[in-house]
Amino acid sequence: MPHILIVEDEAAIADTLIFALQSEGFTTTWLSLAEQALAEQQRNPADLLILDVGLPDISGFEACKRLRRFSEVPVIFLTARSEEIDRVVGLEIGADDYVVKPFSPREVAARVKAILKRMAPREAPAVSPVANVVSGPFQVNSERVQIHYHDQLLSLTRHEFRLLQSLLAQPERVFSREQLLDGLGVAADVGYERTIDSHIKSLRAKLRQVAAAAEPIQTHRGLGYSYSPRHA
């Protein structure tokens, strides 16, 4: 069964999560410090991390940033703060979900199951798709999870890669925020649509570092976004 690493400094909260997760058949490890969790993830990688934002040594946000330097393991943030800006920041730096305290442990367990189901490898097709796809100045290598732009490799997060890959696959098609979220495997809960805007902003900044005058990602006000080869 999948193994879940819980990083939470409050024993009572950790105990309820351990009980709920083990009741669903998961195995768990509980640590109270972020530094311990980062070291443990390098030694014995878990399948998913439940990471408290307010930890005694370093914040969960900082821990997630460090984690993303060596791992793309799914992360669910726990926080006592419900401000939208906190939620957006958490998702921008690589979290997969965000739960505000107080919460239902059974709900967290359900979210863990949903994320792991989305992350599970699908059955390989009878004929493997072409790994390399060229769209204007972009080259997409799906097997290596890489995208080159004007022959330069882009440094992308997992969500940024999937988002740009979806846009490049259908030039000129206007995708709604909900459709792009579905492509990322993120539930379209209230407030999540705006995270697409944040990812688009980050993507544009990275593309402008390569070609400052180009605008390959077009905004369609009130509708969504598209990839325009004419502006790439």
Protein backbone atom coordinates (compact mmCIF):
# COMPACT_ATOMS: atom_id res chain seq x y z
CA MET A 1 0.00 0.00 0.00
CA PRO A 2 1.13 3.61 -0.49
CA HIS A 3 3.20 5.11 2.29
CA ILE A 4 2.29 8.57 3.63
CA LEU A 5 4.76 10.84 5.42
CA ILE A 6 3.00 13.15 7.92
CA VAL A 7 4.95 16.25 8.95
CA GLU A 8 3.03 17.85 11.82
CA ASP A 9 4.25 19.14 15.20
CA GLU A 10 0.91 18.72 17.03
CA ALA A 11 0.63 15.14 18.27
CA ALA A 12 -3.18 15.21 18.52
CA ILE A 13 -3.56 16.20 14.87
CA ALA A 14 -0.96 13.67 13.75
CA ASP A 15 -2.73 10.89 15.70
CA THR A 16 -6.08 11.57 14.01
CA LEU A 17 -4.43 11.56 10.58
CA ILE A 18 -2.55 8.34 11.30
CA PHE A 19 -5.76 6.63 12.42
CA ALA A 20 -7.74 7.84 9.38
CA LEU A 21 -5.03 6.91 6.88
CA GLN A 22 -4.29 3.51 8.39
CA SER A 23 -8.03 2.78 8.43
CA GLU A 24 -7.92 3.24 4.64
CA GLY A 25 -5.02 0.80 4.36
CA PHE A 26 -2.14 3.29 4.05
CA THR A 27 1.11 2.96 5.97
CA THR A 28 2.37 6.10 7.69
CA THR A 29 5.42 7.77 9.19
CA TRP A 30 5.07 10.76 11.49
CA LEU A 31 7.76 13.43 11.94
CA SER A 32 7.45 16.79 13.68
CA LEU A 33 10.23 18.74 11.94
CA ALA A 34 10.63 19.70 8.29
CA GLU A 35 14.39 19.08 8.22
CA GLN A 36 13.82 15.53 9.46
CA ALA A 37 11.16 15.00 6.79
CA LEU A 38 13.41 16.21 3.95
CA ALA A 39 16.19 13.87 5.05
CA GLU A 40 13.73 10.97 5.42
CA GLN A 41 12.28 11.58 1.97
CA GLN A 42 15.74 11.31 0.45
CA ARG A 43 16.49 8.09 2.34
CA ASN A 44 13.11 6.37 2.14
CA PRO A 45 10.80 8.17 -0.30
CA ALA A 46 7.13 8.21 0.66
CA ASP A 47 4.33 8.20 -1.92
CA LEU A 48 2.76 11.41 -0.58
CA LEU A 49 3.55 14.06 2.05
CA ILE A 50 1.06 15.76 4.36
CA LEU A 51 2.97 18.88 5.33
CA ASP A 52 2.00 21.41 8.00
CA VAL A 53 2.76 25.01 7.04
CA GLY A 54 3.55 26.19 10.59
CA LEU A 55 6.41 23.92 11.70
CA PRO A 56 8.89 24.75 14.49
CA ASP A 57 12.10 24.69 12.40
CA ILE A 58 11.25 25.98 8.91
CA SER A 59 7.90 26.74 7.30
CA GLY A 60 6.10 24.17 5.21
CA PHE A 61 6.40 26.53 2.23
CA GLU A 62 10.19 26.60 2.53
CA ALA A 63 10.27 22.84 3.06
CA CYS A 64 8.24 22.31 -0.12
CA LYS A 65 10.61 24.52 -2.10
CA ARG A 66 13.57 22.43 -0.92
CA LEU A 67 11.66 19.21 -1.57
CA ARG A 68 11.01 20.19 -5.17
CA ARG A 69 14.76 20.37 -5.80
CA PHE A 70 14.96 16.58 -5.65
CA SER A 71 11.43 15.15 -5.66
CA GLU A 72 8.06 15.54 -7.37
CA VAL A 73 6.22 13.59 -4.66
CA PRO A 74 2.64 14.85 -4.17
CA VAL A 75 2.18 17.27 -1.24
CA ILE A 76 -0.91 18.26 0.73
CA PHE A 77 -0.47 21.35 2.91
CA LEU A 78 -2.11 21.69 6.33
CA THR A 79 -2.56 25.22 7.63
CA ALA A 80 -4.48 27.24 10.18
CA ARG A 81 -4.67 30.12 7.72
CA SER A 82 -7.47 30.28 5.16
CA GLU A 83 -6.46 33.41 3.22
CA GLU A 84 -6.58 32.83 -0.52
CA ILE A 85 -3.07 34.25 -0.97
CA ASP A 86 -1.67 31.48 1.27
CA ARG A 87 -3.51 28.88 -0.74
CA VAL A 88 -2.27 30.25 -4.05
CA VAL A 89 1.32 30.52 -2.81
CA GLY A 90 1.21 26.93 -1.60
CA LEU A 91 0.01 25.65 -4.95
CA GLU A 92 2.45 27.84 -6.87
CA ILE A 93 5.46 26.32 -5.15
CA GLY A 94 4.39 22.79 -5.97
CA ALA A 95 1.67 21.57 -3.60
CA ASP A 96 -1.11 19.37 -4.95
CA ASP A 97 -3.78 20.26 -2.40
CA TYR A 98 -4.40 22.52 0.57
CA VAL A 99 -6.43 21.74 3.72
CA VAL A 100 -7.38 24.37 6.31
CA LYS A 101 -7.58 23.49 10.02
CA PRO A 102 -9.84 22.37 11.59
CA PHE A 103 -10.48 19.61 9.07
CA SER A 104 -12.04 16.18 8.87
CA PRO A 105 -9.35 13.46 8.90
CA ARG A 106 -11.59 11.33 6.70
CA GLU A 107 -11.70 14.17 4.15
CA VAL A 108 -7.89 14.34 4.16
CA ALA A 109 -7.73 10.58 3.62
CA ALA A 110 -10.16 10.91 0.71
CA ARG A 111 -8.01 13.65 -0.83
CA VAL A 112 -4.92 11.47 -0.43
CA LYS A 113 -6.67 8.65 -2.29
CA ALA A 114 -7.81 11.01 -5.06
CA ILE A 115 -4.33 12.45 -5.60
CA LEU A 116 -2.64 9.05 -5.64
CA LYS A 117 -5.24 7.79 -8.10
CA ARG A 118 -4.48 10.72 -10.42
CA MET A 119 -0.74 10.11 -10.07
CA ALA A 120 -0.96 6.37 -10.75
CA PRO A 121 0.56 5.35 -14.10
CA ARG A 122 -2.04 4.45 -16.67
CA GLU A 123 -1.91 1.26 -18.71
CA ALA A 124 0.46 1.70 -21.63
CA PRO A 125 -1.24 1.95 -25.03
CA ALA A 126 -0.66 -0.77 -27.61
CA VAL A 127 1.34 1.67 -29.73
CA SER A 128 3.57 4.06 -27.81
CA PRO A 129 3.02 7.73 -28.70
CA VAL A 130 5.86 9.74 -30.20
CA ALA A 131 7.93 11.13 -27.35
CA ASN A 132 9.09 14.23 -29.22
CA VAL A 133 6.56 16.72 -30.55
CA VAL A 134 7.51 19.94 -32.32
CA SER A 135 5.15 22.91 -32.31
CA GLY A 136 6.71 26.03 -33.74
CA PRO A 137 9.76 26.92 -31.62
CA PHE A 138 8.73 24.39 -28.95
CA GLN A 139 9.98 20.82 -28.67
CA VAL A 140 8.16 18.60 -26.19
CA ASN A 141 9.72 15.39 -24.91
CA SER A 142 7.03 13.61 -22.92
CA GLU A 143 9.22 10.73 -21.79
CA ARG A 144 11.84 13.02 -20.27
CA VAL A 145 9.22 15.57 -19.15
CA GLN A 146 11.12 18.35 -20.91
CA ILE A 147 10.17 21.28 -23.13
CA HIS A 148 12.68 23.26 -25.18
CA TYR A 149 11.84 26.75 -26.43
CA HIS A 150 14.02 28.18 -29.20
CA ASP A 151 16.44 25.32 -28.45
CA GLN A 152 16.69 26.26 -24.75
CA LEU A 153 15.52 23.86 -22.05
CA LEU A 154 12.84 25.40 -19.84
CA SER A 155 13.01 24.85 -16.07
CA LEU A 156 9.40 23.91 -15.33
CA THR A 157 7.50 22.56 -12.36
CA ARG A 158 5.31 19.49 -12.89
CA HIS A 159 2.18 21.63 -13.16
CA GLU A 160 3.85 24.11 -15.54
CA PHE A 161 4.98 21.27 -17.80
CA ARG A 162 1.50 19.75 -18.00
CA LEU A 163 -0.13 23.13 -18.51
CA LEU A 164 2.19 24.14 -21.35
CA GLN A 165 2.00 20.65 -22.86
CA SER A 166 -1.81 20.89 -22.97
CA LEU A 167 -1.72 24.29 -24.69
CA LEU A 168 0.93 23.21 -27.23
CA ALA A 169 -0.99 20.06 -28.14
CA GLN A 170 -3.87 22.09 -29.64
CA PRO A 171 -2.65 25.40 -31.08
CA GLU A 172 -5.20 28.23 -31.16
CA ARG A 173 -7.70 26.29 -29.07
CA VAL A 174 -9.05 28.35 -26.17
CA PHE A 175 -8.95 26.36 -22.93
CA SER A 176 -11.05 27.42 -19.99
CA ARG A 177 -9.45 27.48 -16.55
CA GLU A 178 -11.56 24.47 -15.56
CA GLN A 179 -10.30 22.48 -18.57
CA LEU A 180 -6.70 23.35 -17.76
CA LEU A 181 -7.19 22.38 -14.12
CA ASP A 182 -8.61 19.04 -15.25
CA GLY A 183 -5.48 18.52 -17.36
CA LEU A 184 -3.36 19.13 -14.26
CA GLY A 185 -5.39 16.65 -12.25
CA VAL A 186 -6.45 19.36 -9.79
CA ALA A 187 -10.00 19.53 -8.49
CA ALA A 188 -11.79 22.72 -9.54
CA ASP A 189 -12.70 23.79 -6.01
CA VAL A 190 -13.55 27.39 -5.17
CA GLY A 191 -10.48 29.57 -5.66
CA TYR A 192 -8.45 26.98 -7.55
CA GLU A 193 -9.23 28.53 -10.94
CA ARG A 194 -7.06 31.51 -10.04
CA THR A 195 -4.05 29.24 -9.58
CA ILE A 196 -4.08 28.75 -13.37
CA ASP A 197 -3.50 32.51 -13.70
CA SER A 198 -0.51 32.19 -11.38
CA HIS A 199 0.94 29.31 -13.39
CA ILE A 200 0.41 31.22 -16.64
CA LYS A 201 2.18 34.26 -15.17
CA SER A 202 5.12 32.10 -14.13
CA LEU A 203 5.25 30.38 -17.53
CA ARG A 204 5.23 33.70 -19.37
CA ALA A 205 8.10 34.97 -17.25
CA LYS A 206 10.17 31.90 -18.11
CA LEU A 207 9.35 32.18 -21.82
CA ARG A 208 10.30 35.88 -21.89
CA GLN A 209 13.71 35.00 -20.50
CA VAL A 210 14.25 33.15 -23.79
CA ALA A 211 12.33 35.39 -26.23
CA ALA A 212 11.43 38.73 -24.64
CA ALA A 213 9.17 40.00 -27.43
CA ALA A 214 7.19 36.81 -28.00
CA GLU A 215 3.72 36.13 -26.56
CA PRO A 216 2.96 32.47 -27.33
CA ILE A 217 0.35 32.21 -24.57
CA GLN A 218 -2.65 34.38 -25.38
CA THR A 219 -5.29 35.56 -22.90
CA HIS A 220 -8.96 35.46 -23.92
CA ARG A 221 -10.67 37.64 -21.35
CA GLY A 222 -13.55 35.84 -19.66
CA LEU A 223 -12.78 32.63 -21.55
CA GLY A 224 -9.29 31.30 -20.84
CA TYR A 225 -5.96 30.83 -22.60
CA SER A 226 -4.55 29.53 -25.88
CA TYR A 227 -1.22 28.86 -27.58
CA SER A 228 -0.63 30.97 -30.69
CA PRO A 229 2.25 29.79 -32.93
CA ARG A 230 2.07 33.14 -34.78
CA HIS A 231 3.17 34.97 -31.65
CA ALA A 232 5.81 32.46 -30.55
